[in-house]
Every structure is written in C-alpha cells, then in structure tokens.
C-alpha atoms as a PDB file:
ATOM      1  CA  UNK A   1      14.013  -5.959 -30.575  1.00  0.00           C
ATOM      2  CA  UNK A   2      14.281  -7.838 -27.434  1.00  0.00           C
ATOM      3  CA  UNK A   3      15.590 -11.408 -27.704  1.00  0.00           C
ATOM      4  CA  UNK A   4      14.381 -13.723 -25.297  1.00  0.00           C
ATOM      5  CA  UNK A   5      16.837 -16.631 -24.313  1.00  0.00           C
ATOM      6  CA  UNK A   6      16.265 -20.354 -24.141  1.00  0.00           C
ATOM      7  CA  UNK A   7      17.616 -22.148 -20.908  1.00  0.00           C
ATOM      8  CA  UNK A   8      20.542 -23.564 -22.953  1.00  0.00           C
ATOM      9  CA  UNK A   9      21.440 -19.922 -23.918  1.00  0.00           C
ATOM     10  CA  UNK A  10      21.132 -18.662 -20.437  1.00  0.00           C
ATOM     11  CA  UNK A  11      23.771 -21.360 -19.318  1.00  0.00           C
ATOM     12  CA  UNK A  12      26.042 -20.014 -22.015  1.00  0.00           C
ATOM     13  CA  UNK A  13      25.628 -16.613 -20.786  1.00  0.00           C
ATOM     14  CA  UNK A  14      26.323 -17.850 -17.234  1.00  0.00           C
ATOM     15  CA  UNK A  15      29.641 -19.419 -18.401  1.00  0.00           C
ATOM     16  CA  UNK A  16      30.731 -15.930 -19.661  1.00  0.00           C
ATOM     17  CA  UNK A  17      29.563 -14.052 -16.554  1.00  0.00           C
ATOM     18  CA  UNK A  18      31.186 -16.562 -14.276  1.00  0.00           C
ATOM     19  CA  UNK A  19      34.449 -16.091 -15.918  1.00  0.00           C
ATOM     20  CA  UNK A  20      34.249 -12.288 -15.271  1.00  0.00           C
ATOM     21  CA  UNK A  21      33.856 -12.883 -11.699  1.00  0.00           C
ATOM     22  CA  UNK A  22      36.780 -15.201 -11.702  1.00  0.00           C
ATOM     23  CA  UNK A  23      39.014 -12.419 -13.622  1.00  0.00           C
ATOM     24  CA  UNK A  24      37.995  -9.620 -11.165  1.00  0.00           C
ATOM     25  CA  UNK A  25      38.983 -11.985  -8.439  1.00  0.00           C
ATOM     26  CA  UNK A  26      42.457 -12.236  -9.850  1.00  0.00           C
ATOM     27  CA  UNK A  27      42.577  -8.430 -10.030  1.00  0.00           C
ATOM     28  CA  UNK A  28      41.299  -8.367  -6.384  1.00  0.00           C
ATOM     29  CA  UNK A  29      44.670 -10.107  -5.472  1.00  0.00           C
ATOM     30  CA  UNK A  30      46.764  -7.431  -6.763  1.00  0.00           C
ATOM     31  CA  UNK A  31      44.701  -4.155  -6.215  1.00  0.00           C
ATOM     32  CA  UNK A  32      46.950  -2.208  -3.867  1.00  0.00           C
ATOM     33  CA  UNK A  33      48.689   1.164  -3.704  1.00  0.00           C
ATOM     34  CA  UNK A  34      51.446   1.375  -6.566  1.00  0.00           C
ATOM     35  CA  UNK A  35      49.752  -0.721  -9.214  1.00  0.00           C
ATOM     36  CA  UNK A  36      48.754   0.972 -12.373  1.00  0.00           C
ATOM     37  CA  UNK A  37      45.448   0.235 -14.173  1.00  0.00           C
ATOM     38  CA  UNK A  38      47.439  -0.805 -17.176  1.00  0.00           C
ATOM     39  CA  UNK A  39      49.022  -3.557 -15.103  1.00  0.00           C
ATOM     40  CA  UNK A  40      45.233  -4.637 -14.100  1.00  0.00           C
ATOM     41  CA  UNK A  41      44.160  -4.485 -17.814  1.00  0.00           C
ATOM     42  CA  UNK A  42      46.975  -6.767 -18.843  1.00  0.00           C
ATOM     43  CA  UNK A  43      46.368  -9.302 -16.018  1.00  0.00           C
ATOM     44  CA  UNK A  44      42.731  -9.483 -17.189  1.00  0.00           C
ATOM     45  CA  UNK A  45      43.569  -9.975 -20.739  1.00  0.00           C
ATOM     46  CA  UNK A  46      45.798 -12.824 -20.333  1.00  0.00           C
ATOM     47  CA  UNK A  47      43.570 -14.516 -17.672  1.00  0.00           C
ATOM     48  CA  UNK A  48      40.427 -14.241 -20.153  1.00  0.00           C
ATOM     49  CA  UNK A  49      42.542 -15.375 -23.004  1.00  0.00           C
ATOM     50  CA  UNK A  50      44.110 -18.317 -21.016  1.00  0.00           C
ATOM     51  CA  UNK A  51      40.377 -19.628 -20.220  1.00  0.00           C
ATOM     52  CA  UNK A  52      39.414 -19.656 -23.956  1.00  0.00           C
ATOM     53  CA  UNK A  53      37.600 -16.598 -24.181  1.00  0.00           C
ATOM     54  CA  UNK A  54      37.930 -13.243 -25.718  1.00  0.00           C
ATOM     55  CA  UNK A  55      37.915  -9.751 -23.911  1.00  0.00           C
ATOM     56  CA  UNK A  56      34.455  -8.296 -24.795  1.00  0.00           C
ATOM     57  CA  UNK A  57      35.401  -4.609 -24.380  1.00  0.00           C
ATOM     58  CA  UNK A  58      38.743  -4.881 -26.453  1.00  0.00           C
ATOM     59  CA  UNK A  59      37.971  -3.086 -29.734  1.00  0.00           C
ATOM     60  CA  UNK A  60      34.383  -2.643 -28.961  1.00  0.00           C
ATOM     61  CA  UNK A  61      33.424   0.605 -30.892  1.00  0.00           C
ATOM     62  CA  UNK A  62      37.183   1.247 -30.706  1.00  0.00           C
ATOM     63  CA  UNK A  63      37.706   0.906 -27.012  1.00  0.00           C
ATOM     64  CA  UNK A  64      41.517   0.128 -26.502  1.00  0.00           C
ATOM     65  CA  UNK A  65      41.588  -2.100 -23.659  1.00  0.00           C
ATOM     66  CA  UNK A  66      40.072  -5.257 -22.178  1.00  0.00           C
ATOM     67  CA  UNK A  67      38.555  -3.598 -19.041  1.00  0.00           C
ATOM     68  CA  UNK A  68      37.422  -0.221 -17.923  1.00  0.00           C
ATOM     69  CA  UNK A  69      39.312   1.174 -14.547  1.00  0.00           C
ATOM     70  CA  UNK A  70      37.317   4.189 -13.222  1.00  0.00           C
ATOM     71  CA  UNK A  71      39.020   5.912 -10.512  1.00  0.00           C
ATOM     72  CA  UNK A  72      37.443   8.033  -7.614  1.00  0.00           C
ATOM     73  CA  UNK A  73      35.528  10.712  -9.381  1.00  0.00           C
ATOM     74  CA  UNK A  74      35.445   8.716 -12.669  1.00  0.00           C
ATOM     75  CA  UNK A  75      32.037   7.071 -12.900  1.00  0.00           C
ATOM     76  CA  UNK A  76      32.627   4.476 -15.927  1.00  0.00           C
ATOM     77  CA  UNK A  77      34.503   3.662 -18.986  1.00  0.00           C
ATOM     78  CA  UNK A  78      37.994   4.891 -17.844  1.00  0.00           C
ATOM     79  CA  UNK A  79      40.750   3.716 -19.948  1.00  0.00           C
ATOM     80  CA  UNK A  80      43.584   1.829 -18.273  1.00  0.00           C
ATOM     81  CA  UNK A  81      46.886   3.637 -18.343  1.00  0.00           C
ATOM     82  CA  UNK A  82      50.507   3.368 -17.094  1.00  0.00           C
ATOM     83  CA  UNK A  83      50.228   6.694 -15.921  1.00  0.00           C
ATOM     84  CA  UNK A  84      47.435   5.898 -13.655  1.00  0.00           C
ATOM     85  CA  UNK A  85      48.848   4.654 -10.453  1.00  0.00           C
ATOM     86  CA  UNK A  86      46.462   3.503  -7.614  1.00  0.00           C
ATOM     87  CA  UNK A  87      47.114   5.054  -4.107  1.00  0.00           C
ATOM     88  CA  UNK A  88      46.078   4.663  -0.703  1.00  0.00           C
ATOM     89  CA  UNK A  89      42.475   5.793  -0.180  1.00  0.00           C
ATOM     90  CA  UNK A  90      41.382   5.358  -3.765  1.00  0.00           C
ATOM     91  CA  UNK A  91      38.429   3.595  -4.969  1.00  0.00           C
ATOM     92  CA  UNK A  92      38.424   1.897  -8.523  1.00  0.00           C
ATOM     93  CA  UNK A  93      35.493   0.484 -10.354  1.00  0.00           C
ATOM     94  CA  UNK A  94      36.639  -2.501 -12.831  1.00  0.00           C
ATOM     95  CA  UNK A  95      34.125  -3.137 -15.463  1.00  0.00           C
ATOM     96  CA  UNK A  96      34.891  -6.186 -17.373  1.00  0.00           C
ATOM     97  CA  UNK A  97      33.232  -8.058 -20.342  1.00  0.00           C
ATOM     98  CA  UNK A  98      33.863 -11.514 -21.698  1.00  0.00           C
ATOM     99  CA  UNK A  99      32.838 -13.069 -25.002  1.00  0.00           C
ATOM    100  CA  UNK A 100      32.742 -17.027 -25.120  1.00  0.00           C
ATOM    101  CA  UNK A 101      30.709 -19.340 -27.049  1.00  0.00           C
ATOM    102  CA  UNK A 102      28.627 -16.787 -28.936  1.00  0.00           C
ATOM    103  CA  UNK A 103      27.431 -14.886 -25.688  1.00  0.00           C
ATOM    104  CA  UNK A 104      28.701 -11.725 -23.965  1.00  0.00           C
ATOM    105  CA  UNK A 105      29.108 -11.525 -20.135  1.00  0.00           C
ATOM    106  CA  UNK A 106      29.154  -8.013 -18.196  1.00  0.00           C
ATOM    107  CA  UNK A 107      29.797  -7.245 -14.726  1.00  0.00           C
ATOM    108  CA  UNK A 108      31.565  -4.636 -12.407  1.00  0.00           C
ATOM    109  CA  UNK A 109      32.805  -4.169  -8.995  1.00  0.00           C
ATOM    110  CA  UNK A 110      34.206  -1.178  -7.127  1.00  0.00           C
ATOM    111  CA  UNK A 111      37.209  -1.964  -5.082  1.00  0.00           C
ATOM    112  CA  UNK A 112      38.938  -0.041  -2.123  1.00  0.00           C
ATOM    113  CA  UNK A 113      42.663   0.690  -2.371  1.00  0.00           C
ATOM    114  CA  UNK A 114      43.997   0.194   0.942  1.00  0.00           C
ATOM    115  CA  UNK A 115      42.016   1.974   3.709  1.00  0.00           C
ATOM    116  CA  UNK A 116      39.337   4.236   2.341  1.00  0.00           C
ATOM    117  CA  UNK A 117      37.308   7.017   4.160  1.00  0.00           C
ATOM    118  CA  UNK A 118      34.266   5.812   5.932  1.00  0.00           C
ATOM    119  CA  UNK A 119      31.930   8.079   4.097  1.00  0.00           C
ATOM    120  CA  UNK A 120      33.302   6.712   0.766  1.00  0.00           C
ATOM    121  CA  UNK A 121      33.010   3.199   2.104  1.00  0.00           C
ATOM    122  CA  UNK A 122      29.267   3.906   2.810  1.00  0.00           C
ATOM    123  CA  UNK A 123      28.784   5.028  -0.793  1.00  0.00           C
ATOM    124  CA  UNK A 124      30.124   2.054  -2.081  1.00  0.00           C
ATOM    125  CA  UNK A 125      27.983  -0.315   0.196  1.00  0.00           C
ATOM    126  CA  UNK A 126      24.984   1.620  -0.668  1.00  0.00           C
ATOM    127  CA  UNK A 127      25.521   1.326  -4.400  1.00  0.00           C
ATOM    128  CA  UNK A 128      26.069  -2.422  -3.987  1.00  0.00           C
ATOM    129  CA  UNK A 129      22.925  -3.060  -1.993  1.00  0.00           C
ATOM    130  CA  UNK A 130      20.833  -0.879  -4.364  1.00  0.00           C
ATOM    131  CA  UNK A 131      22.081  -3.494  -7.065  1.00  0.00           C
ATOM    132  CA  UNK A 132      20.376  -6.240  -5.207  1.00  0.00           C
ATOM    133  CA  UNK A 133      17.291  -3.901  -4.555  1.00  0.00           C
ATOM    134  CA  UNK A 134      16.995  -3.639  -8.171  1.00  0.00           C
ATOM    135  CA  UNK A 135      17.427  -7.148  -8.915  1.00  0.00           C
ATOM    136  CA  UNK A 136      14.648  -7.943  -6.345  1.00  0.00           C
ATOM    137  CA  UNK A 137      12.357  -6.330  -8.934  1.00  0.00           C
ATOM    138  CA  UNK A 138      13.375  -8.178 -11.963  1.00  0.00           C
ATOM    139  CA  UNK A 139      10.415 -10.693 -12.185  1.00  0.00           C
ATOM    140  CA  UNK A 140       7.995 -11.546 -14.993  1.00  0.00           C
ATOM    141  CA  UNK A 141       5.109  -9.193 -15.185  1.00  0.00           C
ATOM    142  CA  UNK A 142       7.000  -6.222 -13.471  1.00  0.00           C
ATOM    143  CA  UNK A 143       8.377  -3.330 -15.526  1.00  0.00           C
ATOM    144  CA  UNK A 144      11.662  -1.765 -16.254  1.00  0.00           C
ATOM    145  CA  UNK A 145      10.808   1.209 -14.142  1.00  0.00           C
ATOM    146  CA  UNK A 146      10.149  -0.949 -11.087  1.00  0.00           C
ATOM    147  CA  UNK A 147      14.113  -1.874 -11.148  1.00  0.00           C
ATOM    148  CA  UNK A 148      15.145   1.782 -11.572  1.00  0.00           C
ATOM    149  CA  UNK A 149      12.773   3.134  -8.996  1.00  0.00           C
ATOM    150  CA  UNK A 150      14.131   0.549  -6.405  1.00  0.00           C
ATOM    151  CA  UNK A 151      17.726   1.692  -7.232  1.00  0.00           C
ATOM    152  CA  UNK A 152      16.732   5.391  -7.083  1.00  0.00           C
ATOM    153  CA  UNK A 153      14.959   5.250  -3.828  1.00  0.00           C
ATOM    154  CA  UNK A 154      17.248   3.570  -1.974  1.00  0.00           C
ATOM    155  CA  UNK A 155      20.140   5.590  -3.045  1.00  0.00           C
ATOM    156  CA  UNK A 156      18.422   9.057  -2.929  1.00  0.00           C
ATOM    157  CA  UNK A 157      17.187   8.128   0.644  1.00  0.00           C
ATOM    158  CA  UNK A 158      20.643   7.992   1.730  1.00  0.00           C
ATOM    159  CA  UNK A 159      21.606  11.210   0.239  1.00  0.00           C
ATOM    160  CA  UNK A 160      23.327  10.016  -3.035  1.00  0.00           C
ATOM    161  CA  UNK A 161      22.496  11.022  -6.618  1.00  0.00           C
ATOM    162  CA  UNK A 162      21.711   8.864  -9.607  1.00  0.00           C
ATOM    163  CA  UNK A 163      23.635   9.378 -12.896  1.00  0.00           C
ATOM    164  CA  UNK A 164      21.073   9.657 -15.718  1.00  0.00           C
ATOM    165  CA  UNK A 165      23.193   9.694 -18.771  1.00  0.00           C
ATOM    166  CA  UNK A 166      24.345   6.101 -18.471  1.00  0.00           C
ATOM    167  CA  UNK A 167      22.068   3.159 -17.954  1.00  0.00           C
ATOM    168  CA  UNK A 168      22.050  -0.760 -17.665  1.00  0.00           C
ATOM    169  CA  UNK A 169      21.022  -2.864 -20.871  1.00  0.00           C
ATOM    170  CA  UNK A 170      20.184  -6.155 -22.396  1.00  0.00           C
ATOM    171  CA  UNK A 171      22.788  -8.686 -22.829  1.00  0.00           C
ATOM    172  CA  UNK A 172      23.519 -11.648 -25.132  1.00  0.00           C
ATOM    173  CA  UNK A 173      24.925 -12.331 -28.471  1.00  0.00           C
ATOM    174  CA  UNK A 174      25.719  -8.489 -28.481  1.00  0.00           C
ATOM    175  CA  UNK A 175      27.043  -6.832 -25.554  1.00  0.00           C
ATOM    176  CA  UNK A 176      24.497  -4.056 -25.582  1.00  0.00           C
ATOM    177  CA  UNK A 177      20.998  -5.351 -26.520  1.00  0.00           C
ATOM    178  CA  UNK A 178      17.481  -3.857 -25.888  1.00  0.00           C
ATOM    179  CA  UNK A 179      16.025  -2.731 -23.456  1.00  0.00           C
ATOM    180  CA  UNK A 180      17.842   0.025 -21.750  1.00  0.00           C
ATOM    181  CA  UNK A 181      17.652  -0.424 -17.935  1.00  0.00           C
ATOM    182  CA  UNK A 182      18.004   2.957 -15.993  1.00  0.00           C
ATOM    183  CA  UNK A 183      18.747   3.341 -12.514  1.00  0.00           C
ATOM    184  CA  UNK A 184      16.006   5.801 -12.066  1.00  0.00           C
ATOM    185  CA  UNK A 185      12.311   5.662 -12.845  1.00  0.00           C
ATOM    186  CA  UNK A 186       8.691   5.183 -11.617  1.00  0.00           C
ATOM    187  CA  UNK A 187       6.867   2.139 -10.766  1.00  0.00           C
ATOM    188  CA  UNK A 188       4.689   0.493 -12.992  1.00  0.00           C
ATOM    189  CA  UNK A 189       6.242   2.211 -16.095  1.00  0.00           C
ATOM    190  CA  UNK A 190       8.464   0.914 -18.895  1.00  0.00           C
ATOM    191  CA  UNK A 191       8.832  -2.386 -20.700  1.00  0.00           C
ATOM    192  CA  UNK A 192       7.053  -5.474 -19.167  1.00  0.00           C
ATOM    193  CA  UNK A 193       9.704  -8.034 -18.028  1.00  0.00           C
ATOM    194  CA  UNK A 194       9.323 -11.706 -19.471  1.00  0.00           C
ATOM    195  CA  UNK A 195      10.912 -14.815 -18.860  1.00  0.00           C
ATOM    196  CA  UNK A 196      13.982 -15.311 -20.863  1.00  0.00           C
ATOM    197  CA  UNK A 197      15.040 -11.671 -20.952  1.00  0.00           C
ATOM    198  CA  UNK A 198      18.577 -11.255 -19.920  1.00  0.00           C
ATOM    199  CA  UNK A 199      19.728  -7.777 -18.620  1.00  0.00           C
ATOM    200  CA  UNK A 200      22.595  -5.974 -16.899  1.00  0.00           C
ATOM    201  CA  UNK A 201      21.693  -3.943 -14.009  1.00  0.00           C
ATOM    202  CA  UNK A 202      24.544  -1.442 -12.953  1.00  0.00           C
ATOM    203  CA  UNK A 203      23.855   1.331 -10.620  1.00  0.00           C
ATOM    204  CA  UNK A 204      26.021   4.271 -11.048  1.00  0.00           C
ATOM    205  CA  UNK A 205      25.991   6.437  -8.046  1.00  0.00           C
ATOM    206  CA  UNK A 206      27.758   9.388  -6.915  1.00  0.00           C
ATOM    207  CA  UNK A 207      28.332  11.213  -3.718  1.00  0.00           C
ATOM    208  CA  UNK A 208      27.362  14.760  -4.958  1.00  0.00           C
ATOM    209  CA  UNK A 209      25.328  16.076  -7.614  1.00  0.00           C
ATOM    210  CA  UNK A 210      24.468  13.549 -10.619  1.00  0.00           C
ATOM    211  CA  UNK A 211      25.717  15.700 -13.345  1.00  0.00           C
ATOM    212  CA  UNK A 212      28.580  14.265 -15.350  1.00  0.00           C
ATOM    213  CA  UNK A 213      30.876  14.936 -18.354  1.00  0.00           C
ATOM    214  CA  UNK A 214      32.708  13.027 -20.826  1.00  0.00           C
ATOM    215  CA  UNK A 215      36.448  13.458 -21.069  1.00  0.00           C
ATOM    216  CA  UNK A 216      38.316  14.314 -24.385  1.00  0.00           C
ATOM    217  CA  UNK A 217      39.423  10.683 -24.773  1.00  0.00           C
ATOM    218  CA  UNK A 218      35.756   9.864 -25.674  1.00  0.00           C
ATOM    219  CA  UNK A 219      35.239   7.276 -23.135  1.00  0.00           C
ATOM    220  CA  UNK A 220      35.815   8.388 -19.450  1.00  0.00           C
ATOM    221  CA  UNK A 221      32.659   9.746 -17.580  1.00  0.00           C
ATOM    222  CA  UNK A 222      33.621  11.837 -14.621  1.00  0.00           C
ATOM    223  CA  UNK A 223      31.465  13.615 -12.172  1.00  0.00           C
ATOM    224  CA  UNK A 224      31.280  17.371 -12.789  1.00  0.00           C
ATOM    225  CA  UNK A 225      31.755  18.291  -9.259  1.00  0.00           C
ATOM    226  CA  UNK A 226      34.610  15.828  -8.819  1.00  0.00           C
ATOM    227  CA  UNK A 227      32.912  13.969  -6.010  1.00  0.00           C
ATOM    228  CA  UNK A 228      33.235  10.168  -5.785  1.00  0.00           C
ATOM    229  CA  UNK A 229      31.284   7.577  -7.887  1.00  0.00           C
ATOM    230  CA  UNK A 230      30.608   3.930  -7.266  1.00  0.00           C
ATOM    231  CA  UNK A 231      29.480   1.050  -9.940  1.00  0.00           C
ATOM    232  CA  UNK A 232      28.345  -2.448  -9.451  1.00  0.00           C
ATOM    233  CA  UNK A 233      26.883  -4.545 -12.125  1.00  0.00           C
ATOM    234  CA  UNK A 234      25.382  -7.982 -12.485  1.00  0.00           C
ATOM    235  CA  UNK A 235      23.987  -9.734 -15.587  1.00  0.00           C
ATOM    236  CA  UNK A 236      20.764 -11.592 -14.706  1.00  0.00           C
ATOM    237  CA  UNK A 237      18.148 -13.699 -16.310  1.00  0.00           C
ATOM    238  CA  UNK A 238      14.315 -13.085 -15.851  1.00  0.00           C
ATOM    239  CA  UNK A 239      12.851 -16.468 -14.485  1.00  0.00           C
ATOM    240  CA  UNK A 240       9.534 -17.459 -13.064  1.00  0.00           C
ATOM    241  CA  UNK A 241       9.363 -16.491  -9.331  1.00  0.00           C
ATOM    242  CA  UNK A 242      12.909 -15.092  -9.089  1.00  0.00           C
ATOM    243  CA  UNK A 243      16.006 -13.281 -10.815  1.00  0.00           C
ATOM    244  CA  UNK A 244      18.600 -15.515 -11.857  1.00  0.00           C
ATOM    245  CA  UNK A 245      22.004 -13.577 -11.144  1.00  0.00           C
ATOM    246  CA  UNK A 246      24.536 -14.864 -14.007  1.00  0.00           C
ATOM    247  CA  UNK A 247      27.514 -13.324 -12.712  1.00  0.00           C
ATOM    248  CA  UNK A 248      28.869 -13.657  -9.445  1.00  0.00           C
ATOM    249  CA  UNK A 249      30.896 -11.662  -6.682  1.00  0.00           C
ATOM    250  CA  UNK A 250      31.549 -14.722  -4.567  1.00  0.00           C
ATOM    251  CA  UNK A 251      35.224 -15.390  -5.955  1.00  0.00           C
ATOM    252  CA  UNK A 252      36.106 -11.671  -5.493  1.00  0.00           C
ATOM    253  CA  UNK A 253      34.757 -11.375  -1.951  1.00  0.00           C
ATOM    254  CA  UNK A 254      36.676 -14.693  -1.073  1.00  0.00           C
ATOM    255  CA  UNK A 255      39.661 -13.112  -2.044  1.00  0.00           C
ATOM    256  CA  UNK A 256      39.045  -9.669  -0.192  1.00  0.00           C
ATOM    257  CA  UNK A 257      37.845 -11.504   2.742  1.00  0.00           C
ATOM    258  CA  UNK A 258      37.189  -8.603   5.584  1.00  0.00           C
ATOM    259  CA  UNK A 259      37.836  -5.915   2.898  1.00  0.00           C
ATOM    260  CA  UNK A 260      34.965  -7.129   1.063  1.00  0.00           C
ATOM    261  CA  UNK A 261      32.189  -4.348   0.438  1.00  0.00           C
END
C-alpha cells in the first residue's frame, strides 16, 4: 500500500531529511586519510542524538550502526569498523537515516578521500547527475519507470552499469515503504506517480559490470569484479508541477567547497 502524505506530514519528513544533510556535513569536516569508518559512525550517532532524533538505521532489521559506510567497490550497506581506515584515493558512500517526529529521513552522499583518480571522480559526478535526472521525472502522472529509465539511460550512455538488485523506495512512517523505485526501467511503465507520494531515489552505479554479491556479514554489497561504485540519494515528495527535494546536499557541499562532487 502506498501512503500519500499531507503537506504537514511532508514538512515533518523534510525536518528529518534536513538533519541528515547536517549530519553528513559534520562527517564531511573529518573525512580524510587515517580516519576509520567507525569513528564516522560515532560522530553521526552523537550528532543525531544531540538534535533530538534517533538514528534510523540503528537496530533496523538488526543493523548494528547508525550509518552505512561503503568504501570503493562496496556498493551499499557497508558496516562501520575500526579496521576500515580510509586512505588517500578512496571513495566512501555514507548512507544515513534519521527518525524524528514519527517520520524517517533517508539520504546518501559519496565522498572523496583526498585526491581521487579522474576516472573515479567522473563516476561520482555522473551518478550524482543521474540522481537529478531521475528527480526531474518525479511528477504527478509520470510513472516509476520514467525515473528508472532516466537514471539508466544517463549512466549507461557514459559507459557505466546500473545495479539491479537494490532499489529506491517509498519513505515515511516506515523507512522502507511502497513503491520500489528501480534505477532502470522503461518509460511509461510502473506505478503512476501521485501528488503526496514520498520516495527515496538512489542511483547505485558501478564502473564495471553490474553484478554484485553480498558479504558474509549479511549486509555489505560489493561489486563482483571489484570495480568502484558510487551512490547518491535524495528523499523527495511528488508535488504538482515539480519534485520537492526534502533532503539537501547544500551543507555538505559548503563544507567541501571546491572538493564537492
């Protein structure tokens, strides 16, 4: 069942999502060679709690941490660890969830650690641009397939592959609601988008082939060919005439300055 949100509920969703942007901005200040992903997790946990909210991921289906930190060929759901020390040239996707006022926020950003190879930087830029290509299609009367087709067409035309096993989703009182929002598809196919729907669009794009596997920890998803992966995510509301982006990269990119993707 798809739950349409009122204007008041959408504003509560926005509050949760904007807190994620602030949290990721705090992490942007310290992401550098030598820091561990577990240190990032602790910073995120304390920041979210200090702002009167709960980490949405912590304990979700048994997940042990507040953020997902996926490094290089890890696509999504990497578990923060004291053994995972970021090094020069790495990329790290940080996916964060916040629960506040009865609503979940969900957003992700892929960061560069120091100087990153130009070809990897291009993957990140293309993935982020594809996110906004998908958002452009999120209008009343369009279909889910229009979003996925926009992402897929943009990324595949650049020579990249789209992960099929993981998709975006509805977001609201529950972190994962209907409908699923794939990053691939055909125009005119799928559920019709309606005003008041709130969804998370999250391209997961890889430099090599699209095939992935799940690690023994039951969470981490990695590319089979060990090629790099990028992940960007916004939560949005379907509005008449436009897509209303509820999350924000503004604070993150203010911290990053010229290092922003």
